[in-house]
Amino acid sequence: MYLLSCILQVKSEHGINQVEGMYWQPENAIDVVAMGTSHVHCGVNTTLLWEKYGIASYDYSGAEQPLWMTYFYLKELYKYQTPKAVVVDVYAPARFKEDYQYDWIAENIYGMKFSLNKLEMLSVSAEPAKIPSYFPSFAVYHSRYDDLGKEDFDNFFWDWEKKESFKGFTPYWKREPQKRPEISTESMDTSGDGMKGLTEKSEKYLRKIIAFMKNKEGKLVLIAAPYIMSGEDQMVYGRMAEIAAQEGIIFINYNEYYQEIGLDFEQDFNDASHLNYWGSCKFTDYLGSFLASDDSIPDRRGQEGYASWEDNVQAVREQLASWGDSGN
């Protein structure tokens, strides 16, 4: 049953592999974990953080992940890791307003191990009548026989080195020019209610994330990773900034630092919502400089037990070589 499950379970680098891959990481080895939506696993470049700053990082994220799922991911993470910093991207509450967000929900469910924590996550993420569509996972994917490919047979415990070397980062390789957004913050209402602001459910779980981290040694940093932001998004980030100030935590909207990051809107985006590989390098370099300024986050290069981060670098280099440096 275990081997059959390894073959049949759904694999996806939009969230399933990220949550499943966390269980293969060396215990208490991750110093920085980035959480949230696909803006994390496409934009936070774990290979650059390692190569330039020696930061042992992991992208523990899922497509369009709402904050209530991020909260339960956080609880799951701390069963296995004690990071020095937790970076949470808050794009989802800026853009998605429904209390149940089904478009990408499966990406945030299938990879997580069965536990009371997972059941609690399901209870707030899906209406009772829809839970059987996602849980138990084996009941959902047990009939995938016609969909199987080569990658489905590289998913066993003896493939542990490959699994351990995956750090969640999933680079995009397309180059799609974007128009640089011009957002004015003057006279903007940041109170955040209704469909334009921060919803009640999102604010509730944002505060639960903050409260959870106040009982941990790791530092919480809220961010908005670069993308083509709208004025309504900025309204939510204004409210986020207010909450962060109230709670005494850091919030950085990196969409206010396009120039400092050095983003090229003709070259550095895969689409309006995601940086491509080259954009991720620029953004992550800027983020990494901020993280490395914290003395509690060590440079792990050359230390025993961190070879898998070197393997991660090699794996992404091979992807880069296969695409060519032109990005075409």
C-alpha atoms as a PDB file:
ATOM      1  CA  MET A   1       0.000   0.000   0.000  1.00  0.00           C
ATOM      2  CA  TYR A   2       2.870   2.367   0.798  1.00  0.00           C
ATOM      3  CA  LEU A   3       4.609   1.756  -2.544  1.00  0.00           C
ATOM      4  CA  LEU A   4       1.334   2.027  -4.438  1.00  0.00           C
ATOM      5  CA  SER A   5       0.583   5.298  -2.699  1.00  0.00           C
ATOM      6  CA  CYS A   6       4.045   6.630  -3.639  1.00  0.00           C
ATOM      7  CA  ILE A   7       3.287   5.917  -7.284  1.00  0.00           C
ATOM      8  CA  LEU A   8      -0.304   7.123  -7.424  1.00  0.00           C
ATOM      9  CA  GLN A   9      -0.149  10.236  -5.259  1.00  0.00           C
ATOM     10  CA  VAL A  10      -0.427  13.504  -7.156  1.00  0.00           C
ATOM     11  CA  LYS A  11       2.872  15.336  -7.735  1.00  0.00           C
ATOM     12  CA  SER A  12       2.974  19.042  -8.472  1.00  0.00           C
ATOM     13  CA  GLU A  13       5.453  21.860  -7.995  1.00  0.00           C
ATOM     14  CA  HIS A  14       2.580  24.268  -7.341  1.00  0.00           C
ATOM     15  CA  GLY A  15       2.341  23.226  -3.694  1.00  0.00           C
ATOM     16  CA  ILE A  16       2.080  19.467  -3.264  1.00  0.00           C
ATOM     17  CA  ASN A  17       5.798  18.850  -3.704  1.00  0.00           C
ATOM     18  CA  GLN A  18       6.602  21.797  -1.438  1.00  0.00           C
ATOM     19  CA  VAL A  19       4.648  20.474   1.539  1.00  0.00           C
ATOM     20  CA  GLU A  20       5.640  16.837   0.943  1.00  0.00           C
ATOM     21  CA  GLY A  21       9.275  17.830   0.486  1.00  0.00           C
ATOM     22  CA  MET A  22       9.437  19.502   3.888  1.00  0.00           C
ATOM     23  CA  TYR A  23       9.217  16.098   5.568  1.00  0.00           C
ATOM     24  CA  TRP A  24      12.441  15.028   3.816  1.00  0.00           C
ATOM     25  CA  GLN A  25      14.516  17.945   5.091  1.00  0.00           C
ATOM     26  CA  PRO A  26      17.141  17.337   7.799  1.00  0.00           C
ATOM     27  CA  GLU A  27      15.501  17.968  11.146  1.00  0.00           C
ATOM     28  CA  ASN A  28      16.039  21.490  12.525  1.00  0.00           C
ATOM     29  CA  ALA A  29      18.312  22.403   9.594  1.00  0.00           C
ATOM     30  CA  ILE A  30      16.173  25.108   7.931  1.00  0.00           C
ATOM     31  CA  ASP A  31      17.088  28.582   9.161  1.00  0.00           C
ATOM     32  CA  VAL A  32      14.714  30.596   6.957  1.00  0.00           C
ATOM     33  CA  VAL A  33      11.370  29.326   5.736  1.00  0.00           C
ATOM     34  CA  ALA A  34       9.303  31.301   3.219  1.00  0.00           C
ATOM     35  CA  MET A  35       5.555  30.702   3.261  1.00  0.00           C
ATOM     36  CA  GLY A  36       2.478  31.814   1.349  1.00  0.00           C
ATOM     37  CA  THR A  37       1.448  31.604  -2.295  1.00  0.00           C
ATOM     38  CA  SER A  38       3.209  30.762  -5.562  1.00  0.00           C
ATOM     39  CA  HIS A  39       4.894  34.172  -5.272  1.00  0.00           C
ATOM     40  CA  VAL A  40       7.126  32.383  -2.757  1.00  0.00           C
ATOM     41  CA  HIS A  41       8.142  29.238  -4.608  1.00  0.00           C
ATOM     42  CA  CYS A  42       8.581  31.169  -7.869  1.00  0.00           C
ATOM     43  CA  GLY A  43      10.203  34.265  -6.367  1.00  0.00           C
ATOM     44  CA  VAL A  44      12.233  33.276  -3.296  1.00  0.00           C
ATOM     45  CA  ASN A  45      15.292  31.671  -4.863  1.00  0.00           C
ATOM     46  CA  THR A  46      16.690  29.165  -2.365  1.00  0.00           C
ATOM     47  CA  THR A  47      19.761  28.529  -4.528  1.00  0.00           C
ATOM     48  CA  LEU A  48      20.818  32.179  -4.497  1.00  0.00           C
ATOM     49  CA  LEU A  49      20.206  32.476  -0.752  1.00  0.00           C
ATOM     50  CA  TRP A  50      22.575  29.554  -0.299  1.00  0.00           C
ATOM     51  CA  GLU A  51      25.225  30.499  -2.866  1.00  0.00           C
ATOM     52  CA  LYS A  52      25.560  34.168  -1.913  1.00  0.00           C
ATOM     53  CA  TYR A  53      24.594  34.251   1.754  1.00  0.00           C
ATOM     54  CA  GLY A  54      24.909  30.666   2.997  1.00  0.00           C
ATOM     55  CA  ILE A  55      21.290  30.752   4.185  1.00  0.00           C
ATOM     56  CA  ALA A  56      19.667  27.327   4.520  1.00  0.00           C
ATOM     57  CA  SER A  57      16.164  28.182   3.316  1.00  0.00           C
ATOM     58  CA  TYR A  58      13.050  26.378   2.161  1.00  0.00           C
ATOM     59  CA  ASP A  59       9.947  27.518   0.233  1.00  0.00           C
ATOM     60  CA  TYR A  60       7.022  25.985   2.118  1.00  0.00           C
ATOM     61  CA  SER A  61       4.168  27.385   0.048  1.00  0.00           C
ATOM     62  CA  GLY A  62       1.222  26.543  -2.176  1.00  0.00           C
ATOM     63  CA  ALA A  63      -0.623  28.170  -5.050  1.00  0.00           C
ATOM     64  CA  GLU A  64      -3.078  30.858  -3.882  1.00  0.00           C
ATOM     65  CA  GLN A  65      -2.635  29.695  -0.283  1.00  0.00           C
ATOM     66  CA  PRO A  66      -4.959  31.643   2.061  1.00  0.00           C
ATOM     67  CA  LEU A  67      -3.711  32.718   5.472  1.00  0.00           C
ATOM     68  CA  TRP A  68      -5.778  30.119   7.321  1.00  0.00           C
ATOM     69  CA  MET A  69      -3.921  27.359   5.488  1.00  0.00           C
ATOM     70  CA  THR A  70      -0.603  29.150   6.075  1.00  0.00           C
ATOM     71  CA  TYR A  71      -1.389  29.092   9.797  1.00  0.00           C
ATOM     72  CA  PHE A  72      -1.788  25.308   9.852  1.00  0.00           C
ATOM     73  CA  TYR A  73       1.289  24.904   7.627  1.00  0.00           C
ATOM     74  CA  LEU A  74       3.175  26.886  10.253  1.00  0.00           C
ATOM     75  CA  LYS A  75       2.024  24.540  13.001  1.00  0.00           C
ATOM     76  CA  GLU A  76       3.072  21.560  10.872  1.00  0.00           C
ATOM     77  CA  LEU A  77       6.479  23.091  10.176  1.00  0.00           C
ATOM     78  CA  TYR A  78       7.323  23.504  13.850  1.00  0.00           C
ATOM     79  CA  LYS A  79       6.903  19.772  14.429  1.00  0.00           C
ATOM     80  CA  TYR A  80      10.121  19.288  12.436  1.00  0.00           C
ATOM     81  CA  GLN A  81      11.987  22.594  12.190  1.00  0.00           C
ATOM     82  CA  THR A  82      12.967  25.556  14.391  1.00  0.00           C
ATOM     83  CA  PRO A  83      13.723  28.321  11.863  1.00  0.00           C
ATOM     84  CA  LYS A  84      15.448  31.541  12.815  1.00  0.00           C
ATOM     85  CA  ALA A  85      13.080  33.506  10.557  1.00  0.00           C
ATOM     86  CA  VAL A  86       9.667  32.844   9.012  1.00  0.00           C
ATOM     87  CA  VAL A  87       8.900  34.983   5.954  1.00  0.00           C
ATOM     88  CA  VAL A  88       5.175  35.059   5.078  1.00  0.00           C
ATOM     89  CA  ASP A  89       4.013  36.508   1.773  1.00  0.00           C
ATOM     90  CA  VAL A  90       0.577  38.145   2.056  1.00  0.00           C
ATOM     91  CA  TYR A  91      -0.508  38.295  -1.588  1.00  0.00           C
ATOM     92  CA  ALA A  92      -3.464  35.917  -1.120  1.00  0.00           C
ATOM     93  CA  PRO A  93      -5.501  38.089   1.295  1.00  0.00           C
ATOM     94  CA  ALA A  94      -4.914  41.082  -0.998  1.00  0.00           C
ATOM     95  CA  ARG A  95      -6.325  39.356  -4.076  1.00  0.00           C
ATOM     96  CA  PHE A  96      -8.671  36.537  -2.969  1.00  0.00           C
ATOM     97  CA  LYS A  97     -11.627  37.401  -0.764  1.00  0.00           C
ATOM     98  CA  GLU A  98     -13.807  34.308  -0.409  1.00  0.00           C
ATOM     99  CA  ASP A  99     -13.873  32.355   2.867  1.00  0.00           C
ATOM    100  CA  TYR A 100     -13.454  29.102   0.873  1.00  0.00           C
ATOM    101  CA  GLN A 101     -10.967  29.226  -1.973  1.00  0.00           C
ATOM    102  CA  TYR A 102     -11.280  26.100  -4.071  1.00  0.00           C
ATOM    103  CA  ASP A 103      -9.355  26.868  -7.272  1.00  0.00           C
ATOM    104  CA  TRP A 104      -6.001  25.617  -5.949  1.00  0.00           C
ATOM    105  CA  ILE A 105      -7.015  24.089  -2.635  1.00  0.00           C
ATOM    106  CA  ALA A 106      -5.842  20.584  -3.575  1.00  0.00           C
ATOM    107  CA  GLU A 107      -2.282  21.854  -4.058  1.00  0.00           C
ATOM    108  CA  ASN A 108      -2.287  22.862  -0.388  1.00  0.00           C
ATOM    109  CA  ILE A 109      -3.774  19.611   0.953  1.00  0.00           C
ATOM    110  CA  TYR A 110      -2.469  16.475  -0.766  1.00  0.00           C
ATOM    111  CA  GLY A 111       1.167  16.636   0.347  1.00  0.00           C
ATOM    112  CA  MET A 112       0.484  17.092   4.070  1.00  0.00           C
ATOM    113  CA  LYS A 113       0.687  14.060   6.345  1.00  0.00           C
ATOM    114  CA  PHE A 114      -2.432  12.895   8.122  1.00  0.00           C
ATOM    115  CA  SER A 115      -2.737  14.497  11.556  1.00  0.00           C
ATOM    116  CA  LEU A 116      -5.175  16.369  13.760  1.00  0.00           C
ATOM    117  CA  ASN A 117      -3.551  19.529  12.417  1.00  0.00           C
ATOM    118  CA  LYS A 118      -4.499  18.564   8.850  1.00  0.00           C
ATOM    119  CA  LEU A 119      -8.074  17.802   9.878  1.00  0.00           C
ATOM    120  CA  GLU A 120      -8.330  21.195  11.575  1.00  0.00           C
ATOM    121  CA  MET A 121      -6.996  22.854   8.424  1.00  0.00           C
ATOM    122  CA  LEU A 122      -9.598  21.057   6.315  1.00  0.00           C
ATOM    123  CA  SER A 123     -12.386  22.093   8.673  1.00  0.00           C
ATOM    124  CA  VAL A 124     -11.734  25.809   8.072  1.00  0.00           C
ATOM    125  CA  SER A 125     -10.713  25.521   4.399  1.00  0.00           C
ATOM    126  CA  ALA A 126     -13.628  23.614   2.860  1.00  0.00           C
ATOM    127  CA  GLU A 127     -17.330  23.298   3.494  1.00  0.00           C
ATOM    128  CA  PRO A 128     -18.271  19.918   5.058  1.00  0.00           C
ATOM    129  CA  ALA A 129     -19.941  18.599   1.903  1.00  0.00           C
ATOM    130  CA  LYS A 130     -16.780  19.271  -0.150  1.00  0.00           C
ATOM    131  CA  ILE A 131     -14.198  17.731   2.192  1.00  0.00           C
ATOM    132  CA  PRO A 132     -14.538  14.220   0.633  1.00  0.00           C
ATOM    133  CA  SER A 133     -13.282  15.752  -2.629  1.00  0.00           C
ATOM    134  CA  TYR A 134      -9.880  16.261  -0.968  1.00  0.00           C
ATOM    135  CA  PHE A 135      -9.678  13.853   1.950  1.00  0.00           C
ATOM    136  CA  PRO A 136      -8.631  11.131   2.447  1.00  0.00           C
ATOM    137  CA  SER A 137      -6.124  11.788  -0.307  1.00  0.00           C
ATOM    138  CA  PHE A 138      -5.707   8.156  -1.337  1.00  0.00           C
ATOM    139  CA  ALA A 139      -9.441   7.899  -2.018  1.00  0.00           C
ATOM    140  CA  VAL A 140      -9.065  10.837  -4.397  1.00  0.00           C
ATOM    141  CA  TYR A 141      -5.998   9.762  -6.378  1.00  0.00           C
ATOM    142  CA  HIS A 142      -6.167   5.956  -6.199  1.00  0.00           C
ATOM    143  CA  SER A 143      -7.479   5.716  -9.787  1.00  0.00           C
ATOM    144  CA  ARG A 144      -4.698   7.720 -11.471  1.00  0.00           C
ATOM    145  CA  TYR A 145      -3.429   4.725 -13.465  1.00  0.00           C
ATOM    146  CA  ASP A 146      -4.042   6.334 -16.851  1.00  0.00           C
ATOM    147  CA  ASP A 147      -2.176   9.505 -15.808  1.00  0.00           C
ATOM    148  CA  LEU A 148       1.062   7.938 -14.586  1.00  0.00           C
ATOM    149  CA  GLY A 149       4.383   9.149 -15.949  1.00  0.00           C
ATOM    150  CA  LYS A 150       8.080   8.504 -15.337  1.00  0.00           C
ATOM    151  CA  GLU A 151       8.208  10.946 -12.401  1.00  0.00           C
ATOM    152  CA  ASP A 152       5.635   8.845 -10.545  1.00  0.00           C
ATOM    153  CA  PHE A 153       8.195   6.055 -10.224  1.00  0.00           C
ATOM    154  CA  ASP A 154      10.897   8.293  -8.716  1.00  0.00           C
ATOM    155  CA  ASN A 155       9.012   8.866  -5.497  1.00  0.00           C
ATOM    156  CA  PHE A 156      10.140   6.138  -3.099  1.00  0.00           C
ATOM    157  CA  PHE A 157      12.086   6.277   0.145  1.00  0.00           C
ATOM    158  CA  TRP A 158      15.266   5.178  -1.636  1.00  0.00           C
ATOM    159  CA  ASP A 159      15.032   8.434  -3.657  1.00  0.00           C
ATOM    160  CA  TRP A 160      15.564  10.366  -0.419  1.00  0.00           C
ATOM    161  CA  GLU A 161      18.629  12.308  -1.605  1.00  0.00           C
ATOM    162  CA  LYS A 162      16.694  13.785  -4.533  1.00  0.00           C
ATOM    163  CA  LYS A 163      13.783  14.604  -2.241  1.00  0.00           C
ATOM    164  CA  GLU A 164      16.029  16.204   0.356  1.00  0.00           C
ATOM    165  CA  SER A 165      17.734  18.389  -2.271  1.00  0.00           C
ATOM    166  CA  PHE A 166      14.403  19.910  -3.343  1.00  0.00           C
ATOM    167  CA  LYS A 167      13.986  23.167  -1.411  1.00  0.00           C
ATOM    168  CA  GLY A 168      10.617  24.225  -2.792  1.00  0.00           C
ATOM    169  CA  PHE A 169      11.921  26.761  -5.316  1.00  0.00           C
ATOM    170  CA  THR A 170      10.203  26.319  -8.697  1.00  0.00           C
ATOM    171  CA  PRO A 171      11.613  28.826 -11.191  1.00  0.00           C
ATOM    172  CA  TYR A 172       9.649  30.095 -14.172  1.00  0.00           C
ATOM    173  CA  TRP A 173      11.576  30.578 -17.396  1.00  0.00           C
ATOM    174  CA  LYS A 174       9.370  32.696 -19.650  1.00  0.00           C
ATOM    175  CA  ARG A 175      10.038  36.395 -20.237  1.00  0.00           C
ATOM    176  CA  GLU A 176       6.830  38.402 -20.643  1.00  0.00           C
ATOM    177  CA  PRO A 177       7.062  42.231 -20.628  1.00  0.00           C
ATOM    178  CA  GLN A 178       4.835  43.997 -18.092  1.00  0.00           C
ATOM    179  CA  LYS A 179       3.707  47.568 -17.569  1.00  0.00           C
ATOM    180  CA  ARG A 180       5.145  48.971 -14.381  1.00  0.00           C
ATOM    181  CA  PRO A 181       2.269  49.779 -12.001  1.00  0.00           C
ATOM    182  CA  GLU A 182       1.867  53.295 -10.693  1.00  0.00           C
ATOM    183  CA  ILE A 183       0.035  53.118  -7.389  1.00  0.00           C
ATOM    184  CA  SER A 184      -0.844  56.197  -5.365  1.00  0.00           C
ATOM    185  CA  THR A 185      -1.283  55.784  -1.633  1.00  0.00           C
ATOM    186  CA  GLU A 186      -2.695  59.269  -1.089  1.00  0.00           C
ATOM    187  CA  SER A 187      -6.142  59.436   0.497  1.00  0.00           C
ATOM    188  CA  MET A 188      -6.409  55.652   0.452  1.00  0.00           C
ATOM    189  CA  ASP A 189      -8.744  54.020   2.981  1.00  0.00           C
ATOM    190  CA  THR A 190      -6.810  51.251   4.722  1.00  0.00           C
ATOM    191  CA  SER A 191      -9.536  50.228   7.178  1.00  0.00           C
ATOM    192  CA  GLY A 192     -10.009  47.112   5.101  1.00  0.00           C
ATOM    193  CA  ASP A 193     -13.543  45.775   5.191  1.00  0.00           C
ATOM    194  CA  GLY A 194     -15.678  44.068   2.582  1.00  0.00           C
ATOM    195  CA  MET A 195     -14.482  42.795  -0.762  1.00  0.00           C
ATOM    196  CA  LYS A 196     -11.895  45.552  -1.276  1.00  0.00           C
ATOM    197  CA  GLY A 197      -9.992  45.309   1.973  1.00  0.00           C
ATOM    198  CA  LEU A 198      -8.647  42.693   4.368  1.00  0.00           C
ATOM    199  CA  THR A 199     -11.486  40.270   5.116  1.00  0.00           C
ATOM    200  CA  GLU A 200     -12.461  39.304   8.650  1.00  0.00           C
ATOM    201  CA  LYS A 201     -11.278  35.721   8.171  1.00  0.00           C
ATOM    202  CA  SER A 202      -7.914  36.784   6.747  1.00  0.00           C
ATOM    203  CA  GLU A 203      -7.306  39.231   9.571  1.00  0.00           C
ATOM    204  CA  LYS A 204      -8.259  36.594  12.145  1.00  0.00           C
ATOM    205  CA  TYR A 205      -5.666  34.148  10.820  1.00  0.00           C
ATOM    206  CA  LEU A 206      -3.034  36.822  10.300  1.00  0.00           C
ATOM    207  CA  ARG A 207      -3.309  37.602  13.999  1.00  0.00           C
ATOM    208  CA  LYS A 208      -3.207  33.879  14.839  1.00  0.00           C
ATOM    209  CA  ILE A 209       0.035  33.564  12.837  1.00  0.00           C
ATOM    210  CA  ILE A 210       1.489  36.533  14.697  1.00  0.00           C
ATOM    211  CA  ALA A 211       0.392  35.142  18.090  1.00  0.00           C
ATOM    212  CA  PHE A 212       1.840  31.711  17.258  1.00  0.00           C
ATOM    213  CA  MET A 213       5.211  33.190  16.313  1.00  0.00           C
ATOM    214  CA  LYS A 214       5.378  35.309  19.461  1.00  0.00           C
ATOM    215  CA  ASN A 215       5.661  32.037  21.379  1.00  0.00           C
ATOM    216  CA  LYS A 216       8.563  30.875  19.197  1.00  0.00           C
ATOM    217  CA  GLU A 217      12.166  32.017  19.011  1.00  0.00           C
ATOM    218  CA  GLY A 218      12.021  32.629  15.259  1.00  0.00           C
ATOM    219  CA  LYS A 219      11.391  36.100  13.849  1.00  0.00           C
ATOM    220  CA  LEU A 220       8.245  36.699  11.762  1.00  0.00           C
ATOM    221  CA  VAL A 221       8.574  38.890   8.666  1.00  0.00           C
ATOM    222  CA  LEU A 222       5.527  39.728   6.537  1.00  0.00           C
ATOM    223  CA  ILE A 223       6.219  40.612   2.913  1.00  0.00           C
ATOM    224  CA  ALA A 224       4.536  41.300  -0.388  1.00  0.00           C
ATOM    225  CA  ALA A 225       6.818  39.906  -3.088  1.00  0.00           C
ATOM    226  CA  PRO A 226       7.051  41.879  -6.368  1.00  0.00           C
ATOM    227  CA  TYR A 227       4.306  41.509  -8.978  1.00  0.00           C
ATOM    228  CA  ILE A 228       2.018  43.818 -10.962  1.00  0.00           C
ATOM    229  CA  MET A 229       0.170  45.245  -7.998  1.00  0.00           C
ATOM    230  CA  SER A 230      -3.217  47.008  -8.114  1.00  0.00           C
ATOM    231  CA  GLY A 231      -4.579  49.883  -6.061  1.00  0.00           C
ATOM    232  CA  GLU A 232      -6.963  47.533  -4.252  1.00  0.00           C
ATOM    233  CA  ASP A 233      -4.037  45.293  -3.328  1.00  0.00           C
ATOM    234  CA  GLN A 234      -2.246  48.309  -1.894  1.00  0.00           C
ATOM    235  CA  MET A 235      -5.295  49.048   0.241  1.00  0.00           C
ATOM    236  CA  VAL A 236      -4.923  45.658   1.901  1.00  0.00           C
ATOM    237  CA  TYR A 237      -1.186  46.140   2.374  1.00  0.00           C
ATOM    238  CA  GLY A 238      -1.909  49.427   4.079  1.00  0.00           C
ATOM    239  CA  ARG A 239      -4.049  47.560   6.590  1.00  0.00           C
ATOM    240  CA  MET A 240      -1.332  44.914   6.931  1.00  0.00           C
ATOM    241  CA  ALA A 241       1.172  47.640   7.761  1.00  0.00           C
ATOM    242  CA  GLU A 242      -1.147  48.961  10.468  1.00  0.00           C
ATOM    243  CA  ILE A 243      -1.518  45.528  12.054  1.00  0.00           C
ATOM    244  CA  ALA A 244       2.230  44.889  11.857  1.00  0.00           C
ATOM    245  CA  ALA A 245       2.909  48.204  13.597  1.00  0.00           C
ATOM    246  CA  GLN A 246       0.376  47.346  16.320  1.00  0.00           C
ATOM    247  CA  GLU A 247       1.960  43.946  16.866  1.00  0.00           C
ATOM    248  CA  GLY A 248       5.564  45.130  16.664  1.00  0.00           C
ATOM    249  CA  ILE A 249       6.561  42.980  13.689  1.00  0.00           C
ATOM    250  CA  ILE A 250       8.139  43.729  10.307  1.00  0.00           C
ATOM    251  CA  PHE A 251       6.076  44.186   7.141  1.00  0.00           C
ATOM    252  CA  ILE A 252       7.815  44.988   3.849  1.00  0.00           C
ATOM    253  CA  ASN A 253       5.933  45.642   0.625  1.00  0.00           C
ATOM    254  CA  TYR A 254       8.640  44.969  -1.951  1.00  0.00           C
ATOM    255  CA  ASN A 255       6.430  46.493  -4.648  1.00  0.00           C
ATOM    256  CA  GLU A 256       7.579  49.811  -3.230  1.00  0.00           C
ATOM    257  CA  TYR A 257      11.210  48.908  -3.994  1.00  0.00           C
ATOM    258  CA  TYR A 258      11.189  48.046  -7.710  1.00  0.00           C
ATOM    259  CA  GLN A 259      14.050  50.447  -8.425  1.00  0.00           C
ATOM    260  CA  GLU A 260      16.169  49.358  -5.469  1.00  0.00           C
ATOM    261  CA  ILE A 261      15.709  45.718  -6.433  1.00  0.00           C
ATOM    262  CA  GLY A 262      16.627  46.566 -10.017  1.00  0.00           C
ATOM    263  CA  LEU A 263      13.632  44.897 -11.654  1.00  0.00           C
ATOM    264  CA  ASP A 264      13.403  45.178 -15.425  1.00  0.00           C
ATOM    265  CA  PHE A 265       9.736  45.073 -16.423  1.00  0.00           C
ATOM    266  CA  GLU A 266      10.681  43.963 -19.928  1.00  0.00           C
ATOM    267  CA  GLN A 267      12.791  41.007 -18.821  1.00  0.00           C
ATOM    268  CA  ASP A 268      12.130  39.887 -15.237  1.00  0.00           C
ATOM    269  CA  PHE A 269       8.508  38.684 -15.216  1.00  0.00           C
ATOM    270  CA  ASN A 270       6.998  35.373 -16.264  1.00  0.00           C
ATOM    271  CA  ASP A 271       3.517  36.914 -16.182  1.00  0.00           C
ATOM    272  CA  ALA A 272       1.715  39.707 -14.344  1.00  0.00           C
ATOM    273  CA  SER A 273       1.705  37.753 -11.096  1.00  0.00           C
ATOM    274  CA  HIS A 274       5.089  36.004 -11.069  1.00  0.00           C
ATOM    275  CA  LEU A 275       8.748  36.826 -11.414  1.00  0.00           C
ATOM    276  CA  ASN A 276      10.739  34.603 -13.755  1.00  0.00           C
ATOM    277  CA  TYR A 277      14.064  33.032 -12.761  1.00  0.00           C
ATOM    278  CA  TRP A 278      16.044  36.195 -13.520  1.00  0.00           C
ATOM    279  CA  GLY A 279      13.601  38.352 -11.583  1.00  0.00           C
ATOM    280  CA  SER A 280      13.760  35.932  -8.673  1.00  0.00           C
ATOM    281  CA  CYS A 281      17.541  36.354  -8.561  1.00  0.00           C
ATOM    282  CA  LYS A 282      17.226  40.139  -8.227  1.00  0.00           C
ATOM    283  CA  PHE A 283      14.439  40.030  -5.657  1.00  0.00           C
ATOM    284  CA  THR A 284      16.062  37.271  -3.607  1.00  0.00           C
ATOM    285  CA  ASP A 285      19.392  39.091  -3.573  1.00  0.00           C
ATOM    286  CA  TYR A 286      17.634  42.116  -2.083  1.00  0.00           C
ATOM    287  CA  LEU A 287      15.702  39.948   0.402  1.00  0.00           C
ATOM    288  CA  GLY A 288      18.846  37.966   1.243  1.00  0.00           C
ATOM    289  CA  SER A 289      20.773  41.112   2.101  1.00  0.00           C
ATOM    290  CA  PHE A 290      18.064  41.993   4.614  1.00  0.00           C
ATOM    291  CA  LEU A 291      17.998  38.478   6.107  1.00  0.00           C
ATOM    292  CA  ALA A 292      21.787  38.194   6.308  1.00  0.00           C
ATOM    293  CA  SER A 293      21.922  41.420   8.339  1.00  0.00           C
ATOM    294  CA  ASP A 294      20.360  39.440  11.205  1.00  0.00           C
ATOM    295  CA  ASP A 295      23.190  37.872  13.198  1.00  0.00           C
ATOM    296  CA  SER A 296      20.920  35.032  14.324  1.00  0.00           C
ATOM    297  CA  ILE A 297      20.829  33.657  10.764  1.00  0.00           C
ATOM    298  CA  PRO A 298      24.140  31.841  10.199  1.00  0.00           C
ATOM    299  CA  ASP A 299      26.173  31.190   7.078  1.00  0.00           C
ATOM    300  CA  ARG A 300      26.012  27.396   6.782  1.00  0.00           C
ATOM    301  CA  ARG A 301      28.314  26.957   3.789  1.00  0.00           C
ATOM    302  CA  GLY A 302      30.890  24.267   4.473  1.00  0.00           C
ATOM    303  CA  GLN A 303      29.095  22.932   7.533  1.00  0.00           C
ATOM    304  CA  GLU A 304      28.336  19.247   7.925  1.00  0.00           C
ATOM    305  CA  GLY A 305      24.756  18.250   7.192  1.00  0.00           C
ATOM    306  CA  TYR A 306      24.045  20.887   4.529  1.00  0.00           C
ATOM    307  CA  ALA A 307      25.136  19.080   1.360  1.00  0.00           C
ATOM    308  CA  SER A 308      21.548  18.979   0.123  1.00  0.00           C
ATOM    309  CA  TRP A 309      21.594  22.757  -0.379  1.00  0.00           C
ATOM    310  CA  GLU A 310      24.593  22.352  -2.670  1.00  0.00           C
ATOM    311  CA  ASP A 311      22.638  19.657  -4.523  1.00  0.00           C
ATOM    312  CA  ASN A 312      19.741  22.098  -4.863  1.00  0.00           C
ATOM    313  CA  VAL A 313      22.069  24.623  -6.482  1.00  0.00           C
ATOM    314  CA  GLN A 314      23.266  22.017  -8.961  1.00  0.00           C
ATOM    315  CA  ALA A 315      19.714  20.953  -9.842  1.00  0.00           C
ATOM    316  CA  VAL A 316      18.645  24.527 -10.643  1.00  0.00           C
ATOM    317  CA  ARG A 317      21.866  25.131 -12.608  1.00  0.00           C
ATOM    318  CA  GLU A 318      20.974  22.143 -14.768  1.00  0.00           C
ATOM    319  CA  GLN A 319      17.516  23.599 -15.394  1.00  0.00           C
ATOM    320  CA  LEU A 320      19.082  26.923 -16.320  1.00  0.00           C
ATOM    321  CA  ALA A 321      21.499  25.240 -18.719  1.00  0.00           C
ATOM    322  CA  SER A 322      18.656  23.340 -20.392  1.00  0.00           C
ATOM    323  CA  TRP A 323      16.766  26.579 -21.033  1.00  0.00           C
ATOM    324  CA  GLY A 324      19.802  28.614 -22.012  1.00  0.00           C
ATOM    325  CA  ASP A 325      20.592  31.974 -20.463  1.00  0.00           C
ATOM    326  CA  SER A 326      18.435  33.788 -23.030  1.00  0.00           C
ATOM    327  CA  GLY A 327      15.222  32.812 -21.294  1.00  0.00           C
ATOM    328  CA  ASN A 328      13.611  31.957 -24.644  1.00  0.00           C
END
